[in-house]
Every structure is written in structure tokens, then in C-alpha cells.
Amino acid sequence: MDALSILAAAALRLRWAWGRPDVWLRRPRMDVAGKHVVVTGGSQGLGRALALLCVQKGARVTVVARTAAKLKEACADIASAGEGFGDRVQHAVLDVSTASCEQVAEMLRQASRTFGRVDVFVANAGTGNGMLLFGVPLSEVQATLENQVSVNLVGGLRCVIAAAQLMASDGQGGRVSIVSSVAGLATCPGYSIYSATKFGHRGFLAGAYEEFRRHGVHLSVFYPGSIRTPGFASEQENMPLVTQKIEAQCSDISSRRVLRGRAASGHRGRGPRNYQ
């Protein structure tokens, strides 16, 4: 790209941003009290902690995961955490790795029949087994590639698109967030495949943000680091040694501590840079 093209692109970007005060100002905090929040991957770990937090803040929450037994356990745990909590939590069984956009939309419509329209959707379901690309049978590499792409990337994006379309269709808008990872910003040996799926979230939101913002639907991405969850504990069992050594330099915290930090920051977005 020559210098003139670069200057032209920069001028167009500045012109677009100049009339957008939300580019420069942080969006006001959203109160989830009285809202219907849907969380995928909500039967354990970060998703379960988020579901509980939202119920504590007065939301009606639909917890989504692929295993019915874990979902029932999660809902029972949330229900026992406070008076009346059981009336504001329900579950839906869905495997995001295989569900079509229409199947996701139908699940949301079903959830809306009891808890009202979906106001907030969090695409949290994911998987992340580390693997080196050399010295490993190609069949294992392919299996890992297909699994992580189907769950983290394609599955997550199908959920985001379906939820955002439904929110935009009635003119009331809403919020859609996809839980990515710090590995979507930087990577290391062993995380090549995982990071590819997480970097994909950023690329998708960079383009989709403006499309849906025009219809009142605000998209965002959350980039957590290592979190002490059952999923992460399972990943560490088969993690390459070099990846383990790098991970050992990172601090790992609990799901609830992560969410307390998010709550303290107000869950604010940053205009079109929300995808960052």
C-alpha cells in the first residue's frame, strides 16, 4: 500500500470517528437487574460464576451447556445461593460445536418464552488443549484443530450471530459478548491452534461491531488470562512442557475473582474498540 492510500484510509477513519463520541468515551454501565442473560458454557468454571453473579444482581439467567447433568447441578447450586434465586435461573442443553445458527436461535426463542426476550448474551463455551505442531501425529493435530475450531471459533460465532440478529429484529437491541482469551492477543508454543481460534474473535468483531451497532446491538470481547477452572485443570494434564513453563510465569486466579474485577470496572465498552 502506497503512502497516499494509507493517508486516505486514515482520513476516512478519522472522519468516521469524529462524529462518534462513543469512540472516545466509555459507554455507561449496564444494569442487568430485570434483564434476561444467556450464558453458554455455563455449567462450570467462568460461565457458572458469571451466571451466579448475574442472578445475584437481579437478572434472569439461562445457563447453556451440552451436558444436562452438569447443568442441573449448576442451577441447583445457583438456586441454593440466595432466596428466590431458583425462580430466576433455568437451563438449556445445546452443543455449540454442532448446533446451527437456527438451532441457537430456536434455543433462545424457547428460553424467551419463560424469561422474556434475551437482553444479554455471553458466548463463553470453549476448549483449549495445548499441542505442539511438530513431533505429533498428524491425525492428533487434525483432531485438535477441528475440535477447537468447531467449539471456540465457529460455534462461538454462530451463537453471536444468532443472538445479535434476534436482538436487532425487534428494535430493542442488547449486548453480546464473546469470551476470548489473552491468547487472542499474544501466543506461545503449544497454543498455535488455540490462539488461532481466539484471534478469530477479534477479527470477527472488528467487522461485525458496526453492522450490529446500527441496530442497537453492542458487541464486545473479553480477554481473560489463566483462570482456575475445571477445564483449565484438565488442559494442564496434557499440556506440552514448554507451554507449562510459560504458563507457570502467569498468574492464575479464580473465576469469581475475575468477575469481581470486571464488575469493579463497570462492564464498560469502548465504542468500536469494544472488540479489543
C-alpha atoms as a PDB file:
ATOM      1  CA  MET A   1       0.000   0.000   0.000  1.00  0.00           C
ATOM      2  CA  ASP A   2       1.483   3.385  -1.004  1.00  0.00           C
ATOM      3  CA  ALA A   3       1.633   6.454   1.233  1.00  0.00           C
ATOM      4  CA  LEU A   4      -1.356   8.121  -0.449  1.00  0.00           C
ATOM      5  CA  SER A   5      -3.563   5.084   0.172  1.00  0.00           C
ATOM      6  CA  ILE A   6      -2.514   4.966   3.815  1.00  0.00           C
ATOM      7  CA  LEU A   7      -3.324   8.664   4.283  1.00  0.00           C
ATOM      8  CA  ALA A   8      -6.698   8.231   2.567  1.00  0.00           C
ATOM      9  CA  ALA A   9      -7.597   5.291   4.802  1.00  0.00           C
ATOM     10  CA  ALA A  10      -6.565   7.239   7.905  1.00  0.00           C
ATOM     11  CA  ALA A  11      -8.642  10.252   6.812  1.00  0.00           C
ATOM     12  CA  LEU A  12     -11.729   8.095   6.308  1.00  0.00           C
ATOM     13  CA  ARG A  13     -11.248   6.500   9.720  1.00  0.00           C
ATOM     14  CA  LEU A  14     -10.896   9.904  11.392  1.00  0.00           C
ATOM     15  CA  ARG A  15     -13.960  11.258   9.599  1.00  0.00           C
ATOM     16  CA  TRP A  16     -15.976   8.230  10.726  1.00  0.00           C
ATOM     17  CA  ALA A  17     -14.783   8.534  14.327  1.00  0.00           C
ATOM     18  CA  TRP A  18     -15.178  12.327  14.604  1.00  0.00           C
ATOM     19  CA  GLY A  19     -18.963  12.124  14.671  1.00  0.00           C
ATOM     20  CA  ARG A  20     -18.875   9.239  17.123  1.00  0.00           C
ATOM     21  CA  PRO A  21     -18.373  10.466  20.709  1.00  0.00           C
ATOM     22  CA  ASP A  22     -18.637   6.873  21.891  1.00  0.00           C
ATOM     23  CA  VAL A  23     -15.324   6.233  20.142  1.00  0.00           C
ATOM     24  CA  TRP A  24     -13.666   8.417  22.733  1.00  0.00           C
ATOM     25  CA  LEU A  25     -15.998   7.985  25.713  1.00  0.00           C
ATOM     26  CA  ARG A  26     -16.687   4.842  27.655  1.00  0.00           C
ATOM     27  CA  ARG A  27     -20.224   3.541  27.398  1.00  0.00           C
ATOM     28  CA  PRO A  28     -22.301   3.770  30.619  1.00  0.00           C
ATOM     29  CA  ARG A  29     -22.543   0.733  32.832  1.00  0.00           C
ATOM     30  CA  MET A  30     -25.355  -1.684  32.060  1.00  0.00           C
ATOM     31  CA  ASP A  31     -27.503  -2.820  34.974  1.00  0.00           C
ATOM     32  CA  VAL A  32     -28.565  -6.441  34.437  1.00  0.00           C
ATOM     33  CA  ALA A  33     -31.307  -6.297  37.085  1.00  0.00           C
ATOM     34  CA  GLY A  34     -34.556  -7.372  35.473  1.00  0.00           C
ATOM     35  CA  LYS A  35     -32.760  -8.416  32.286  1.00  0.00           C
ATOM     36  CA  HIS A  36     -32.599 -11.858  30.689  1.00  0.00           C
ATOM     37  CA  VAL A  37     -28.989 -13.032  30.410  1.00  0.00           C
ATOM     38  CA  VAL A  38     -27.946 -16.168  28.496  1.00  0.00           C
ATOM     39  CA  VAL A  39     -24.553 -17.751  29.195  1.00  0.00           C
ATOM     40  CA  THR A  40     -23.134 -20.622  27.149  1.00  0.00           C
ATOM     41  CA  GLY A  41     -20.592 -22.909  28.765  1.00  0.00           C
ATOM     42  CA  GLY A  42     -22.416 -22.063  31.965  1.00  0.00           C
ATOM     43  CA  SER A  43     -22.344 -25.394  33.757  1.00  0.00           C
ATOM     44  CA  GLN A  44     -18.888 -24.874  35.301  1.00  0.00           C
ATOM     45  CA  GLY A  45     -15.952 -22.513  35.661  1.00  0.00           C
ATOM     46  CA  LEU A  46     -16.210 -18.922  34.497  1.00  0.00           C
ATOM     47  CA  GLY A  47     -19.654 -19.374  32.913  1.00  0.00           C
ATOM     48  CA  ARG A  48     -21.138 -20.768  36.105  1.00  0.00           C
ATOM     49  CA  ALA A  49     -19.612 -17.982  38.198  1.00  0.00           C
ATOM     50  CA  LEU A  50     -20.958 -15.397  35.744  1.00  0.00           C
ATOM     51  CA  ALA A  51     -24.448 -16.917  35.857  1.00  0.00           C
ATOM     52  CA  LEU A  52     -24.442 -16.735  39.651  1.00  0.00           C
ATOM     53  CA  LEU A  53     -23.189 -13.148  39.624  1.00  0.00           C
ATOM     54  CA  CYS A  54     -25.959 -12.082  37.241  1.00  0.00           C
ATOM     55  CA  VAL A  55     -28.644 -13.775  39.356  1.00  0.00           C
ATOM     56  CA  GLN A  56     -27.226 -12.039  42.444  1.00  0.00           C
ATOM     57  CA  LYS A  57     -27.562  -8.746  40.592  1.00  0.00           C
ATOM     58  CA  GLY A  58     -31.235  -9.372  39.824  1.00  0.00           C
ATOM     59  CA  ALA A  59     -31.102 -10.886  36.344  1.00  0.00           C
ATOM     60  CA  ARG A  60     -32.996 -13.861  34.984  1.00  0.00           C
ATOM     61  CA  VAL A  61     -30.386 -16.267  33.661  1.00  0.00           C
ATOM     62  CA  THR A  62     -30.479 -19.123  31.180  1.00  0.00           C
ATOM     63  CA  VAL A  63     -27.466 -21.385  31.583  1.00  0.00           C
ATOM     64  CA  VAL A  64     -26.489 -23.272  28.427  1.00  0.00           C
ATOM     65  CA  ALA A  65     -24.155 -26.274  28.077  1.00  0.00           C
ATOM     66  CA  ARG A  66     -24.048 -29.662  26.397  1.00  0.00           C
ATOM     67  CA  THR A  67     -24.337 -31.892  29.498  1.00  0.00           C
ATOM     68  CA  ALA A  68     -27.735 -31.994  31.200  1.00  0.00           C
ATOM     69  CA  ALA A  69     -26.448 -33.416  34.482  1.00  0.00           C
ATOM     70  CA  LYS A  70     -23.875 -30.634  34.914  1.00  0.00           C
ATOM     71  CA  LEU A  71     -26.490 -28.022  34.021  1.00  0.00           C
ATOM     72  CA  LYS A  72     -28.893 -29.303  36.668  1.00  0.00           C
ATOM     73  CA  GLU A  73     -26.098 -29.280  39.227  1.00  0.00           C
ATOM     74  CA  ALA A  74     -25.131 -25.711  38.304  1.00  0.00           C
ATOM     75  CA  CYS A  75     -28.726 -24.484  38.513  1.00  0.00           C
ATOM     76  CA  ALA A  76     -29.215 -26.190  41.881  1.00  0.00           C
ATOM     77  CA  ASP A  77     -26.026 -24.562  43.157  1.00  0.00           C
ATOM     78  CA  ILE A  78     -27.187 -21.121  41.999  1.00  0.00           C
ATOM     79  CA  ALA A  79     -30.683 -21.653  43.398  1.00  0.00           C
ATOM     80  CA  SER A  80     -29.258 -22.501  46.821  1.00  0.00           C
ATOM     81  CA  ALA A  81     -27.122 -19.356  46.919  1.00  0.00           C
ATOM     82  CA  GLY A  82     -29.957 -16.994  47.798  1.00  0.00           C
ATOM     83  CA  GLU A  83     -33.653 -16.609  48.434  1.00  0.00           C
ATOM     84  CA  GLY A  84     -35.677 -16.629  45.223  1.00  0.00           C
ATOM     85  CA  PHE A  85     -32.654 -17.382  43.071  1.00  0.00           C
ATOM     86  CA  GLY A  86     -34.206 -20.635  41.871  1.00  0.00           C
ATOM     87  CA  ASP A  87     -37.027 -18.666  40.235  1.00  0.00           C
ATOM     88  CA  ARG A  88     -34.542 -16.728  38.113  1.00  0.00           C
ATOM     89  CA  VAL A  89     -32.362 -19.470  36.697  1.00  0.00           C
ATOM     90  CA  GLN A  90     -33.117 -22.078  34.052  1.00  0.00           C
ATOM     91  CA  HIS A  91     -31.053 -24.231  31.737  1.00  0.00           C
ATOM     92  CA  ALA A  92     -30.951 -25.327  28.102  1.00  0.00           C
ATOM     93  CA  VAL A  93     -28.985 -28.200  26.619  1.00  0.00           C
ATOM     94  CA  LEU A  94     -27.031 -27.245  23.491  1.00  0.00           C
ATOM     95  CA  ASP A  95     -23.715 -28.325  21.991  1.00  0.00           C
ATOM     96  CA  VAL A  96     -22.338 -25.192  20.319  1.00  0.00           C
ATOM     97  CA  SER A  97     -19.815 -27.226  18.317  1.00  0.00           C
ATOM     98  CA  THR A  98     -22.581 -28.829  16.247  1.00  0.00           C
ATOM     99  CA  ALA A  99     -25.594 -26.512  16.630  1.00  0.00           C
ATOM    100  CA  SER A 100     -26.569 -24.444  13.593  1.00  0.00           C
ATOM    101  CA  CYS A 101     -27.358 -20.734  13.778  1.00  0.00           C
ATOM    102  CA  GLU A 102     -31.057 -21.589  13.504  1.00  0.00           C
ATOM    103  CA  GLN A 103     -30.813 -24.123  16.338  1.00  0.00           C
ATOM    104  CA  VAL A 104     -29.161 -21.494  18.528  1.00  0.00           C
ATOM    105  CA  ALA A 105     -31.917 -19.029  17.629  1.00  0.00           C
ATOM    106  CA  GLU A 106     -34.599 -21.595  18.450  1.00  0.00           C
ATOM    107  CA  MET A 107     -32.989 -22.256  21.830  1.00  0.00           C
ATOM    108  CA  LEU A 108     -33.093 -18.523  22.546  1.00  0.00           C
ATOM    109  CA  ARG A 109     -36.723 -18.303  21.489  1.00  0.00           C
ATOM    110  CA  GLN A 110     -37.583 -21.186  23.812  1.00  0.00           C
ATOM    111  CA  ALA A 111     -35.737 -19.523  26.695  1.00  0.00           C
ATOM    112  CA  SER A 112     -37.598 -16.273  25.992  1.00  0.00           C
ATOM    113  CA  ARG A 113     -40.954 -17.945  26.493  1.00  0.00           C
ATOM    114  CA  THR A 114     -40.302 -18.245  30.220  1.00  0.00           C
ATOM    115  CA  PHE A 115     -37.823 -15.434  30.984  1.00  0.00           C
ATOM    116  CA  GLY A 116     -38.705 -12.838  28.323  1.00  0.00           C
ATOM    117  CA  ARG A 117     -36.616 -11.556  25.426  1.00  0.00           C
ATOM    118  CA  VAL A 118     -32.863 -12.043  25.645  1.00  0.00           C
ATOM    119  CA  ASP A 119     -31.154  -8.785  26.609  1.00  0.00           C
ATOM    120  CA  VAL A 120     -27.594 -10.043  27.152  1.00  0.00           C
ATOM    121  CA  PHE A 121     -25.816 -12.993  25.558  1.00  0.00           C
ATOM    122  CA  VAL A 122     -22.402 -14.269  26.632  1.00  0.00           C
ATOM    123  CA  ALA A 123     -20.691 -16.773  24.334  1.00  0.00           C
ATOM    124  CA  ASN A 124     -18.458 -18.409  26.905  1.00  0.00           C
ATOM    125  CA  ALA A 125     -18.273 -22.062  25.788  1.00  0.00           C
ATOM    126  CA  GLY A 126     -14.777 -23.073  24.762  1.00  0.00           C
ATOM    127  CA  THR A 127     -11.985 -25.605  24.893  1.00  0.00           C
ATOM    128  CA  GLY A 128      -8.220 -25.177  24.826  1.00  0.00           C
ATOM    129  CA  ASN A 129      -5.928 -28.179  24.899  1.00  0.00           C
ATOM    130  CA  GLY A 130      -2.354 -27.144  24.119  1.00  0.00           C
ATOM    131  CA  MET A 131      -0.437 -29.075  21.468  1.00  0.00           C
ATOM    132  CA  LEU A 132       2.843 -28.733  19.618  1.00  0.00           C
ATOM    133  CA  LEU A 133       2.615 -28.959  15.831  1.00  0.00           C
ATOM    134  CA  PHE A 134       5.816 -30.942  15.308  1.00  0.00           C
ATOM    135  CA  GLY A 135       6.537 -34.414  16.665  1.00  0.00           C
ATOM    136  CA  VAL A 136       2.830 -35.183  16.988  1.00  0.00           C
ATOM    137  CA  PRO A 137       0.898 -37.494  14.635  1.00  0.00           C
ATOM    138  CA  LEU A 138      -1.000 -35.511  12.008  1.00  0.00           C
ATOM    139  CA  SER A 139      -4.203 -37.311  12.972  1.00  0.00           C
ATOM    140  CA  GLU A 140      -3.947 -35.891  16.510  1.00  0.00           C
ATOM    141  CA  VAL A 141      -3.170 -32.407  15.224  1.00  0.00           C
ATOM    142  CA  GLN A 142      -6.172 -32.553  12.888  1.00  0.00           C
ATOM    143  CA  ALA A 143      -8.485 -33.775  15.654  1.00  0.00           C
ATOM    144  CA  THR A 144      -7.389 -30.933  17.936  1.00  0.00           C
ATOM    145  CA  LEU A 145      -7.697 -28.392  15.126  1.00  0.00           C
ATOM    146  CA  GLU A 146     -11.202 -29.464  14.179  1.00  0.00           C
ATOM    147  CA  ASN A 147     -12.374 -29.648  17.787  1.00  0.00           C
ATOM    148  CA  GLN A 148     -11.115 -26.220  18.802  1.00  0.00           C
ATOM    149  CA  VAL A 149     -12.264 -24.507  15.628  1.00  0.00           C
ATOM    150  CA  SER A 150     -15.744 -26.048  15.917  1.00  0.00           C
ATOM    151  CA  VAL A 151     -16.163 -25.059  19.576  1.00  0.00           C
ATOM    152  CA  ASN A 152     -14.187 -21.849  20.064  1.00  0.00           C
ATOM    153  CA  LEU A 153     -14.481 -20.161  16.708  1.00  0.00           C
ATOM    154  CA  VAL A 154     -17.324 -21.465  14.553  1.00  0.00           C
ATOM    155  CA  GLY A 155     -19.523 -22.444  17.499  1.00  0.00           C
ATOM    156  CA  GLY A 156     -18.976 -19.144  19.257  1.00  0.00           C
ATOM    157  CA  LEU A 157     -19.606 -17.063  16.150  1.00  0.00           C
ATOM    158  CA  ARG A 158     -22.782 -18.953  15.286  1.00  0.00           C
ATOM    159  CA  CYS A 159     -24.072 -18.130  18.769  1.00  0.00           C
ATOM    160  CA  VAL A 160     -23.107 -14.459  18.498  1.00  0.00           C
ATOM    161  CA  ILE A 161     -24.718 -14.041  15.066  1.00  0.00           C
ATOM    162  CA  ALA A 162     -27.951 -15.769  16.090  1.00  0.00           C
ATOM    163  CA  ALA A 163     -28.265 -13.802  19.338  1.00  0.00           C
ATOM    164  CA  ALA A 164     -27.431 -10.460  17.722  1.00  0.00           C
ATOM    165  CA  GLN A 165     -29.936 -10.995  14.909  1.00  0.00           C
ATOM    166  CA  LEU A 166     -32.716 -11.771  17.385  1.00  0.00           C
ATOM    167  CA  MET A 167     -31.899  -8.697  19.480  1.00  0.00           C
ATOM    168  CA  ALA A 168     -31.842  -6.473  16.417  1.00  0.00           C
ATOM    169  CA  SER A 169     -35.033  -7.910  14.917  1.00  0.00           C
ATOM    170  CA  ASP A 170     -37.404  -6.354  17.463  1.00  0.00           C
ATOM    171  CA  GLY A 171     -35.658  -2.980  17.524  1.00  0.00           C
ATOM    172  CA  GLN A 172     -34.765  -3.181  21.220  1.00  0.00           C
ATOM    173  CA  GLY A 173     -31.115  -4.135  20.782  1.00  0.00           C
ATOM    174  CA  GLY A 174     -28.970  -5.649  23.500  1.00  0.00           C
ATOM    175  CA  ARG A 175     -25.465  -6.715  24.453  1.00  0.00           C
ATOM    176  CA  VAL A 176     -23.494  -9.663  23.102  1.00  0.00           C
ATOM    177  CA  SER A 177     -20.090 -10.613  24.486  1.00  0.00           C
ATOM    178  CA  ILE A 178     -17.742 -13.388  23.450  1.00  0.00           C
ATOM    179  CA  VAL A 179     -15.254 -14.735  25.959  1.00  0.00           C
ATOM    180  CA  SER A 180     -11.927 -14.981  24.172  1.00  0.00           C
ATOM    181  CA  SER A 181      -8.557 -15.261  25.922  1.00  0.00           C
ATOM    182  CA  VAL A 182      -5.338 -13.354  26.381  1.00  0.00           C
ATOM    183  CA  ALA A 183      -4.129 -15.931  23.836  1.00  0.00           C
ATOM    184  CA  GLY A 184      -6.233 -13.975  21.361  1.00  0.00           C
ATOM    185  CA  LEU A 185      -3.787 -11.102  21.760  1.00  0.00           C
ATOM    186  CA  ALA A 186      -0.479 -12.952  22.165  1.00  0.00           C
ATOM    187  CA  THR A 187       0.545 -16.577  21.813  1.00  0.00           C
ATOM    188  CA  CYS A 188       3.304 -19.062  22.561  1.00  0.00           C
ATOM    189  CA  PRO A 189       4.446 -22.573  21.532  1.00  0.00           C
ATOM    190  CA  GLY A 190       1.704 -25.091  22.172  1.00  0.00           C
ATOM    191  CA  TYR A 191      -1.091 -22.570  21.740  1.00  0.00           C
ATOM    192  CA  SER A 192      -0.925 -22.080  17.964  1.00  0.00           C
ATOM    193  CA  ILE A 193      -4.278 -23.725  17.253  1.00  0.00           C
ATOM    194  CA  TYR A 194      -5.979 -22.333  20.342  1.00  0.00           C
ATOM    195  CA  SER A 195      -4.742 -18.813  19.603  1.00  0.00           C
ATOM    196  CA  ALA A 196      -5.924 -19.017  16.006  1.00  0.00           C
ATOM    197  CA  THR A 197      -9.476 -19.538  17.230  1.00  0.00           C
ATOM    198  CA  LYS A 198      -9.192 -16.723  19.769  1.00  0.00           C
ATOM    199  CA  PHE A 199      -7.576 -14.252  17.351  1.00  0.00           C
ATOM    200  CA  GLY A 200     -10.566 -15.037  15.115  1.00  0.00           C
ATOM    201  CA  HIS A 201     -12.906 -13.470  17.662  1.00  0.00           C
ATOM    202  CA  ARG A 202     -11.112 -10.146  17.354  1.00  0.00           C
ATOM    203  CA  GLY A 203     -11.243 -10.213  13.571  1.00  0.00           C
ATOM    204  CA  PHE A 204     -14.926 -11.078  13.514  1.00  0.00           C
ATOM    205  CA  LEU A 205     -15.931  -8.391  15.993  1.00  0.00           C
ATOM    206  CA  ALA A 206     -13.831  -5.782  14.197  1.00  0.00           C
ATOM    207  CA  GLY A 207     -16.124  -6.163  11.215  1.00  0.00           C
ATOM    208  CA  ALA A 208     -19.417  -7.110  12.869  1.00  0.00           C
ATOM    209  CA  TYR A 209     -19.369  -4.383  15.527  1.00  0.00           C
ATOM    210  CA  GLU A 210     -20.501  -1.574  13.254  1.00  0.00           C
ATOM    211  CA  GLU A 211     -23.074  -3.738  11.457  1.00  0.00           C
ATOM    212  CA  PHE A 212     -24.948  -4.572  14.635  1.00  0.00           C
ATOM    213  CA  ARG A 213     -24.340  -1.274  16.449  1.00  0.00           C
ATOM    214  CA  ARG A 214     -26.575   0.381  13.879  1.00  0.00           C
ATOM    215  CA  HIS A 215     -29.385  -1.827  15.155  1.00  0.00           C
ATOM    216  CA  GLY A 216     -28.747  -1.179  18.844  1.00  0.00           C
ATOM    217  CA  VAL A 217     -26.767  -4.363  19.498  1.00  0.00           C
ATOM    218  CA  HIS A 218     -23.362  -3.768  21.087  1.00  0.00           C
ATOM    219  CA  LEU A 219     -20.682  -6.420  20.714  1.00  0.00           C
ATOM    220  CA  SER A 220     -17.640  -6.918  22.922  1.00  0.00           C
ATOM    221  CA  VAL A 221     -14.828  -9.375  23.582  1.00  0.00           C
ATOM    222  CA  PHE A 222     -13.424 -10.324  26.981  1.00  0.00           C
ATOM    223  CA  TYR A 223      -9.763 -11.438  27.113  1.00  0.00           C
ATOM    224  CA  PRO A 224      -9.181 -13.268  30.432  1.00  0.00           C
ATOM    225  CA  GLY A 225      -5.861 -14.833  31.350  1.00  0.00           C
ATOM    226  CA  SER A 226      -5.377 -18.194  33.055  1.00  0.00           C
ATOM    227  CA  ILE A 227      -8.260 -18.965  35.398  1.00  0.00           C
ATOM    228  CA  ARG A 228      -8.524 -21.796  37.908  1.00  0.00           C
ATOM    229  CA  THR A 229     -11.401 -23.769  36.417  1.00  0.00           C
ATOM    230  CA  PRO A 230     -12.083 -27.496  35.921  1.00  0.00           C
ATOM    231  CA  GLY A 231     -11.451 -27.015  32.214  1.00  0.00           C
ATOM    232  CA  PHE A 232      -8.025 -25.433  32.740  1.00  0.00           C
ATOM    233  CA  ALA A 233      -7.044 -28.164  35.213  1.00  0.00           C
ATOM    234  CA  SER A 234      -7.883 -30.771  32.588  1.00  0.00           C
ATOM    235  CA  GLU A 235      -5.886 -28.898  29.933  1.00  0.00           C
ATOM    236  CA  GLN A 236      -2.773 -28.819  32.125  1.00  0.00           C
ATOM    237  CA  GLU A 237      -2.667 -32.616  32.317  1.00  0.00           C
ATOM    238  CA  ASN A 238      -1.634 -32.910  28.654  1.00  0.00           C
ATOM    239  CA  MET A 239      -0.039 -29.514  28.117  1.00  0.00           C
ATOM    240  CA  PRO A 240       3.392 -29.550  26.390  1.00  0.00           C
ATOM    241  CA  LEU A 241       6.287 -28.962  28.795  1.00  0.00           C
ATOM    242  CA  VAL A 242       7.357 -25.719  27.100  1.00  0.00           C
ATOM    243  CA  THR A 243       3.809 -24.400  27.391  1.00  0.00           C
ATOM    244  CA  GLN A 244       3.634 -25.408  31.047  1.00  0.00           C
ATOM    245  CA  LYS A 245       6.825 -23.466  31.757  1.00  0.00           C
ATOM    246  CA  ILE A 246       5.431 -20.363  30.088  1.00  0.00           C
ATOM    247  CA  GLU A 247       2.089 -20.744  31.864  1.00  0.00           C
ATOM    248  CA  ALA A 248       3.937 -21.046  35.169  1.00  0.00           C
ATOM    249  CA  GLN A 249       5.092 -17.436  34.720  1.00  0.00           C
ATOM    250  CA  CYS A 250       1.478 -16.264  34.516  1.00  0.00           C
ATOM    251  CA  SER A 251      -0.780 -15.682  37.486  1.00  0.00           C
ATOM    252  CA  ASP A 252      -3.907 -17.781  37.632  1.00  0.00           C
ATOM    253  CA  ILE A 253      -6.953 -16.627  39.585  1.00  0.00           C
ATOM    254  CA  SER A 254     -10.412 -17.920  40.359  1.00  0.00           C
ATOM    255  CA  SER A 255     -13.462 -17.310  38.178  1.00  0.00           C
ATOM    256  CA  ARG A 256     -15.186 -15.251  40.836  1.00  0.00           C
ATOM    257  CA  ARG A 257     -12.148 -13.017  41.311  1.00  0.00           C
ATOM    258  CA  VAL A 258     -12.030 -12.390  37.558  1.00  0.00           C
ATOM    259  CA  LEU A 259     -15.680 -11.365  37.587  1.00  0.00           C
ATOM    260  CA  ARG A 260     -15.244  -9.147  40.626  1.00  0.00           C
ATOM    261  CA  GLY A 261     -12.630  -7.277  38.631  1.00  0.00           C
ATOM    262  CA  ARG A 262     -14.999  -6.969  35.686  1.00  0.00           C
ATOM    263  CA  ALA A 263     -17.779  -5.746  37.958  1.00  0.00           C
ATOM    264  CA  ALA A 264     -15.488  -3.162  39.530  1.00  0.00           C
ATOM    265  CA  SER A 265     -14.631  -1.804  36.083  1.00  0.00           C
ATOM    266  CA  GLY A 266     -18.326  -1.381  35.331  1.00  0.00           C
ATOM    267  CA  HIS A 267     -18.539  -3.781  32.359  1.00  0.00           C
ATOM    268  CA  ARG A 268     -17.979  -0.761  30.139  1.00  0.00           C
ATOM    269  CA  GLY A 269     -17.190  -0.986  26.449  1.00  0.00           C
ATOM    270  CA  ARG A 270     -15.087   1.353  24.335  1.00  0.00           C
ATOM    271  CA  GLY A 271     -17.056   2.193  21.241  1.00  0.00           C
ATOM    272  CA  PRO A 272     -15.887   0.356  18.142  1.00  0.00           C
ATOM    273  CA  ARG A 273     -12.737  -0.623  20.002  1.00  0.00           C
ATOM    274  CA  ASN A 274     -15.076  -2.783  22.108  1.00  0.00           C
ATOM    275  CA  TYR A 275     -13.727  -5.779  20.247  1.00  0.00           C
ATOM    276  CA  GLN A 276     -10.362  -5.171  21.845  1.00  0.00           C
END
